[in-house]
Amino acid sequence: MDVMSSMAVFRRVVEAKNFSAVARETNMSQSTVSKHIAALEERLGTKLLNRSTRSLKLTEAGKEYYHHCIRILNDFQEAEASIGKGKIKPTGTLRISTSAAFGRTCILPHLNEFFNSYPDISIDLLFDDNYVDLVKQGIDLAFRVGPLADSTLIARKIGTTPRVIVASPEYLVKHGRPKKPAELVKHNCLFYSLQKTPDLWYFNSVQEGDESVRVNGRLKANSPDALCDATIEGLGISVLCEWYARKHIESGRLKVILQNYHPTAHDINAVYPERKFVPQKVKRMIDYLAEKTR
């Protein structure tokens, strides 16, 4: 087996702490992943991993070899990125993590054009509304909407998304239409639970400046899809990204309220593990979506 390929498999097994996860990620059988590790151990004449049915631990030699693998593989990737600088055709599988809402609305509609431009790149698109560990899960790139948590990851802002506050026509008939943010305390507001302070809503207005309101509500969810569906069903008032709510507003299923008070816009960031040179496949996708989200 090619030693560089085996080193890459070994690195991912250590980071994922799981043979089957790496097998799924690389489209290999679990036995093939095991053969890569066995080939390295035979080549080195020492055991790298202690594996049981419930755990996977590095030996002392494995710990040392893992750090060498990181350096060698990163140097190899950076050399190609540095020397290539657009000359080497971007190739390989690009693993992208994104929320379901952003992925379905802002990535999937543009993939046909991207594939036509870069025929040697394939994409493994992973939908997860929670922030995932990019290194542990072997993810090349993530797109995140909203405030970023502190981390060692590199973030590049590629756009800004306005947000709107919406309710269904049925809800407004039954409960009335608030005319100022302060009146939201009398309404059932729907919370996005993954936000740091889901019940604290921020607004800005040309006439009255910035303000915040501590709202109340009986439903929270960790999915924008669920919040949107609940709002359409008349369960309450929610704040959604404009690009996500647009089709429902145009169809009349949702009504924009408090038009003179704008919920604080959210940044759209491309996030990836720190490295000196960004792989071509990562850079091309970031540049492409940055153009599409302007």
Protein backbone atom coordinates (compact mmCIF):
# COMPACT_ATOMS: atom_id res chain seq x y z
CA MET A 1 0.00 0.00 0.00
CA ASP A 2 1.09 3.57 -0.64
CA VAL A 3 2.64 4.82 2.60
CA MET A 4 1.25 8.37 2.25
CA SER A 5 -2.28 7.00 1.85
CA SER A 6 -1.79 4.79 4.88
CA MET A 7 -0.50 7.73 6.91
CA ALA A 8 -3.58 9.75 5.94
CA VAL A 9 -5.86 6.89 7.02
CA PHE A 10 -3.96 6.50 10.29
CA ARG A 11 -4.28 10.22 11.02
CA ARG A 12 -8.03 10.15 10.43
CA VAL A 13 -8.50 7.04 12.59
CA VAL A 14 -6.71 8.78 15.46
CA GLU A 15 -8.76 11.96 15.06
CA ALA A 16 -12.10 10.22 14.62
CA LYS A 17 -11.29 7.54 17.23
CA ASN A 18 -13.30 5.17 15.10
CA PHE A 19 -12.47 2.78 12.22
CA SER A 20 -16.01 2.58 10.84
CA ALA A 21 -16.40 6.38 10.69
CA VAL A 22 -13.21 6.67 8.64
CA ALA A 23 -14.39 3.84 6.39
CA ARG A 24 -17.62 5.72 5.66
CA GLU A 25 -15.77 8.99 5.19
CA THR A 26 -13.26 7.55 2.69
CA ASN A 27 -15.63 5.10 0.94
CA MET A 28 -13.43 2.19 2.03
CA SER A 29 -14.44 -1.01 3.73
CA GLN A 30 -13.57 -1.24 7.41
CA SER A 31 -11.21 -4.11 6.62
CA THR A 32 -9.33 -1.89 4.13
CA VAL A 33 -8.89 0.77 6.82
CA SER A 34 -7.53 -1.92 9.14
CA LYS A 35 -5.13 -3.10 6.42
CA HIS A 36 -3.70 0.42 6.09
CA ILE A 37 -2.97 0.51 9.82
CA ALA A 38 -1.54 -3.01 9.75
CA ALA A 39 0.71 -2.08 6.81
CA LEU A 40 2.15 0.83 8.75
CA GLU A 41 2.71 -1.27 11.85
CA GLU A 42 4.46 -3.93 9.78
CA ARG A 43 6.59 -1.32 8.03
CA LEU A 44 7.58 0.29 11.34
CA GLY A 45 7.91 -2.92 13.26
CA THR A 46 5.84 -1.63 16.18
CA LYS A 47 2.24 -1.37 17.34
CA LEU A 48 0.58 2.02 16.82
CA LEU A 49 -2.90 1.41 18.23
CA ASN A 50 -4.42 -0.62 21.01
CA ARG A 51 -7.92 -1.45 19.87
CA SER A 52 -10.80 -3.07 21.76
CA THR A 53 -14.52 -3.37 21.07
CA ARG A 54 -15.15 -0.15 23.00
CA SER A 55 -12.02 1.96 22.74
CA LEU A 56 -9.08 2.89 20.58
CA LYS A 57 -5.88 4.21 22.17
CA LEU A 58 -2.52 5.23 20.79
CA THR A 59 0.59 3.49 22.00
CA GLU A 60 3.56 5.68 22.90
CA ALA A 61 5.04 4.94 19.49
CA GLY A 62 1.66 5.73 17.94
CA LYS A 63 1.53 9.15 19.63
CA GLU A 64 4.97 10.04 18.27
CA TYR A 65 4.15 8.74 14.79
CA TYR A 66 0.82 10.59 14.71
CA HIS A 67 2.57 13.94 15.19
CA HIS A 68 5.05 13.08 12.43
CA CYS A 69 2.11 12.19 10.16
CA ILE A 70 0.45 15.55 10.78
CA ARG A 71 3.64 17.41 9.87
CA ILE A 72 4.39 15.31 6.78
CA LEU A 73 0.85 15.35 5.40
CA ASN A 74 0.43 19.08 6.05
CA ASP A 75 3.78 19.80 4.41
CA PHE A 76 2.71 17.74 1.38
CA GLN A 77 -0.63 19.57 1.06
CA GLU A 78 0.98 22.97 1.56
CA ALA A 79 3.67 22.22 -1.00
CA GLU A 80 1.06 21.37 -3.62
CA ALA A 81 -1.02 24.43 -2.74
CA SER A 82 1.99 26.74 -2.75
CA ILE A 83 3.62 25.48 -5.94
CA GLY A 84 0.34 24.98 -7.75
CA LYS A 85 -1.24 28.35 -7.05
CA GLY A 86 -3.89 27.73 -9.68
CA LYS A 87 -1.70 25.61 -11.95
CA ILE A 88 -2.71 22.30 -10.36
CA LYS A 89 -6.32 21.43 -11.10
CA PRO A 90 -8.33 21.24 -7.87
CA THR A 91 -9.28 17.62 -7.27
CA GLY A 92 -10.59 15.27 -4.63
CA THR A 93 -13.53 15.07 -2.26
CA LEU A 94 -14.45 18.24 -0.41
CA ARG A 95 -16.22 17.53 2.90
CA ILE A 96 -18.48 20.46 3.83
CA SER A 97 -20.45 20.95 7.04
CA THR A 98 -23.40 23.33 7.07
CA SER A 99 -26.81 23.80 8.59
CA ALA A 100 -29.64 22.15 6.70
CA ALA A 101 -31.30 25.51 6.01
CA PHE A 102 -28.19 27.16 4.55
CA GLY A 103 -27.12 24.06 2.66
CA ARG A 104 -30.48 23.48 1.00
CA THR A 105 -31.09 27.14 0.21
CA CYS A 106 -27.65 28.59 -0.56
CA ILE A 107 -25.39 25.68 -1.57
CA LEU A 108 -27.40 23.00 -3.36
CA PRO A 109 -28.93 25.36 -5.97
CA HIS A 110 -25.41 26.34 -7.13
CA LEU A 111 -23.69 22.95 -7.17
CA ASN A 112 -24.51 22.10 -10.79
CA GLU A 113 -22.63 25.19 -11.97
CA PHE A 114 -19.77 24.49 -9.55
CA PHE A 115 -19.43 20.90 -10.79
CA ASN A 116 -19.34 22.13 -14.38
CA SER A 117 -16.52 24.53 -13.48
CA TYR A 118 -14.55 21.99 -11.42
CA PRO A 119 -15.23 18.50 -12.82
CA ASP A 120 -12.53 16.83 -10.69
CA ILE A 121 -14.01 17.91 -7.33
CA SER A 122 -16.68 15.84 -5.61
CA ILE A 123 -18.55 17.01 -2.53
CA ASP A 124 -19.61 15.26 0.64
CA LEU A 125 -22.22 17.64 2.10
CA LEU A 126 -22.98 17.09 5.79
CA PHE A 127 -26.06 18.76 7.25
CA ASP A 128 -25.84 19.51 10.97
CA ASP A 129 -27.36 22.50 12.75
CA ASN A 130 -24.88 22.04 15.62
CA TYR A 131 -21.28 23.19 15.40
CA VAL A 132 -19.16 20.12 14.66
CA ASP A 133 -15.48 19.45 15.35
CA LEU A 134 -13.94 19.89 11.91
CA VAL A 135 -10.67 18.16 12.74
CA LYS A 136 -12.21 15.18 14.55
CA GLN A 137 -14.74 14.57 11.79
CA GLY A 138 -12.32 15.18 8.92
CA ILE A 139 -14.22 18.14 7.51
CA ASP A 140 -12.44 20.48 5.10
CA LEU A 141 -14.81 23.42 5.26
CA ALA A 142 -17.86 24.65 7.16
CA PHE A 143 -20.31 27.46 6.44
CA ARG A 144 -21.76 29.08 9.55
CA VAL A 145 -24.40 31.78 9.87
CA GLY A 146 -24.38 34.04 12.92
CA PRO A 147 -21.87 34.79 15.68
CA LEU A 148 -18.87 32.47 15.78
CA ALA A 149 -17.62 30.69 18.87
CA ASP A 150 -14.00 31.30 19.83
CA SER A 151 -11.75 28.65 18.28
CA THR A 152 -8.45 28.05 16.51
CA LEU A 153 -10.26 27.76 13.19
CA ILE A 154 -9.77 30.26 10.38
CA ALA A 155 -12.91 32.20 9.42
CA ARG A 156 -13.53 34.25 6.29
CA LYS A 157 -16.65 36.37 6.03
CA ILE A 158 -18.30 35.74 2.65
CA GLY A 159 -21.52 37.67 3.11
CA THR A 160 -24.22 39.03 5.37
CA THR A 161 -27.78 37.82 5.60
CA PRO A 162 -30.64 40.14 6.60
CA ARG A 163 -33.28 38.63 8.87
CA VAL A 164 -37.00 39.24 9.11
CA ILE A 165 -39.56 38.83 11.85
CA VAL A 166 -42.57 36.89 10.62
CA ALA A 167 -45.89 35.35 11.59
CA SER A 168 -48.66 33.54 9.77
CA PRO A 169 -51.77 35.47 8.65
CA GLU A 170 -53.86 33.21 10.93
CA TYR A 171 -51.74 34.06 13.96
CA LEU A 172 -52.02 37.79 13.29
CA VAL A 173 -55.80 37.61 12.91
CA LYS A 174 -56.12 35.74 16.18
CA HIS A 175 -53.53 37.59 18.28
CA GLY A 176 -53.06 40.96 16.60
CA ARG A 177 -50.04 42.56 14.95
CA PRO A 178 -47.36 44.11 17.21
CA LYS A 179 -46.38 47.64 16.15
CA LYS A 180 -43.19 47.96 18.23
CA PRO A 181 -40.60 45.40 19.45
CA ALA A 182 -41.65 46.01 23.08
CA GLU A 183 -45.10 44.60 22.26
CA LEU A 184 -43.56 41.20 21.49
CA VAL A 185 -43.63 40.38 25.21
CA LYS A 186 -47.40 39.92 24.84
CA HIS A 187 -46.93 37.30 22.10
CA ASN A 188 -45.77 33.72 21.81
CA CYS A 189 -42.30 33.91 20.28
CA LEU A 190 -40.49 30.90 18.84
CA PHE A 191 -36.86 30.43 19.85
CA TYR A 192 -33.88 29.05 17.95
CA SER A 193 -32.30 27.11 20.80
CA LEU A 194 -28.76 26.98 19.37
CA GLN A 195 -28.34 30.73 19.80
CA LYS A 196 -26.45 31.87 22.90
CA THR A 197 -29.41 33.93 24.15
CA PRO A 198 -32.40 32.68 22.14
CA ASP A 199 -34.98 34.75 24.06
CA LEU A 200 -33.10 38.06 23.65
CA TRP A 201 -33.98 39.63 20.31
CA TYR A 202 -32.07 42.63 18.93
CA PHE A 203 -33.46 45.25 16.54
CA ASN A 204 -32.26 48.39 14.85
CA SER A 205 -34.36 51.22 13.48
CA VAL A 206 -33.46 54.37 11.58
CA GLN A 207 -35.82 56.38 13.78
CA GLU A 208 -35.19 54.81 17.18
CA GLY A 209 -31.75 53.18 16.95
CA ASP A 210 -30.80 49.85 18.50
CA GLU A 211 -32.87 48.06 21.10
CA SER A 212 -33.28 44.61 22.58
CA VAL A 213 -36.34 42.79 23.89
CA ARG A 214 -36.52 39.81 26.22
CA VAL A 215 -39.35 37.83 24.63
CA ASN A 216 -41.47 34.93 25.90
CA GLY A 217 -42.53 31.73 24.25
CA ARG A 218 -43.57 28.12 24.73
CA LEU A 219 -41.64 26.53 21.87
CA LYS A 220 -37.95 26.35 21.01
CA ALA A 221 -36.20 24.20 18.42
CA ASN A 222 -32.66 23.62 17.18
CA SER A 223 -33.70 23.71 13.52
CA PRO A 224 -34.68 26.70 11.35
CA ASP A 225 -36.83 24.28 9.32
CA ALA A 226 -38.84 23.40 12.41
CA LEU A 227 -39.20 27.05 13.44
CA CYS A 228 -40.38 28.01 9.98
CA ASP A 229 -42.91 25.17 9.88
CA ALA A 230 -44.18 26.09 13.36
CA THR A 231 -44.56 29.73 12.33
CA ILE A 232 -46.52 28.76 9.21
CA GLU A 233 -48.77 26.62 11.41
CA GLY A 234 -49.63 29.71 13.46
CA LEU A 235 -47.82 28.72 16.65
CA GLY A 236 -46.13 32.08 17.09
CA ILE A 237 -43.72 34.74 15.85
CA SER A 238 -40.16 33.95 14.76
CA VAL A 239 -37.04 35.59 13.35
CA LEU A 240 -35.74 33.91 10.19
CA CYS A 241 -33.03 34.62 7.64
CA GLU A 242 -34.59 36.53 4.75
CA TRP A 243 -33.31 34.12 2.10
CA TYR A 244 -34.92 31.22 3.93
CA ALA A 245 -38.29 32.86 4.56
CA ARG A 246 -38.55 34.55 1.14
CA LYS A 247 -40.54 31.88 -0.70
CA HIS A 248 -43.05 31.63 2.15
CA ILE A 249 -43.44 35.41 2.25
CA GLU A 250 -43.99 35.54 -1.52
CA SER A 251 -46.60 32.77 -1.28
CA GLY A 252 -48.44 34.60 1.52
CA ARG A 253 -47.92 31.84 4.08
CA LEU A 254 -45.86 34.23 6.20
CA LYS A 255 -46.20 37.97 6.77
CA VAL A 256 -43.34 40.29 7.64
CA ILE A 257 -44.15 42.36 10.72
CA LEU A 258 -42.40 45.31 12.38
CA GLN A 259 -41.09 46.42 8.97
CA ASN A 260 -39.47 49.54 10.46
CA TYR A 261 -37.50 47.47 12.98
CA HIS A 262 -34.87 45.17 11.54
CA PRO A 263 -33.50 42.17 13.44
CA THR A 264 -29.72 42.32 13.58
CA ALA A 265 -28.23 40.86 10.40
CA HIS A 266 -26.02 37.77 10.62
CA ASP A 267 -22.62 37.27 9.01
CA ILE A 268 -22.01 34.24 6.80
CA ASN A 269 -18.56 32.76 7.44
CA ALA A 270 -16.52 30.08 5.74
CA VAL A 271 -14.57 28.24 8.44
CA TYR A 272 -11.69 25.79 8.03
CA PRO A 273 -8.80 24.34 10.06
CA GLU A 274 -5.72 26.53 10.38
CA ARG A 275 -3.00 25.89 7.83
CA LYS A 276 -0.39 27.96 6.03
CA PHE A 277 -1.72 27.21 2.53
CA VAL A 278 -5.39 26.61 1.85
CA PRO A 279 -6.05 23.60 -0.43
CA GLN A 280 -7.24 24.55 -3.89
CA LYS A 281 -10.56 22.70 -3.55
CA VAL A 282 -11.33 24.64 -0.36
CA LYS A 283 -10.30 27.98 -1.80
CA ARG A 284 -12.34 27.50 -4.98
CA MET A 285 -15.53 26.66 -3.06
CA ILE A 286 -15.10 29.65 -0.72
CA ASP A 287 -14.53 32.03 -3.63
CA TYR A 288 -17.46 30.56 -5.53
CA LEU A 289 -19.98 30.89 -2.70
CA ALA A 290 -18.65 34.32 -1.75
CA GLU A 291 -19.64 35.43 -5.24
CA LYS A 292 -23.08 33.82 -4.95
CA THR A 293 -23.88 35.33 -1.52
CA ARG A 294 -23.07 38.94 -2.42
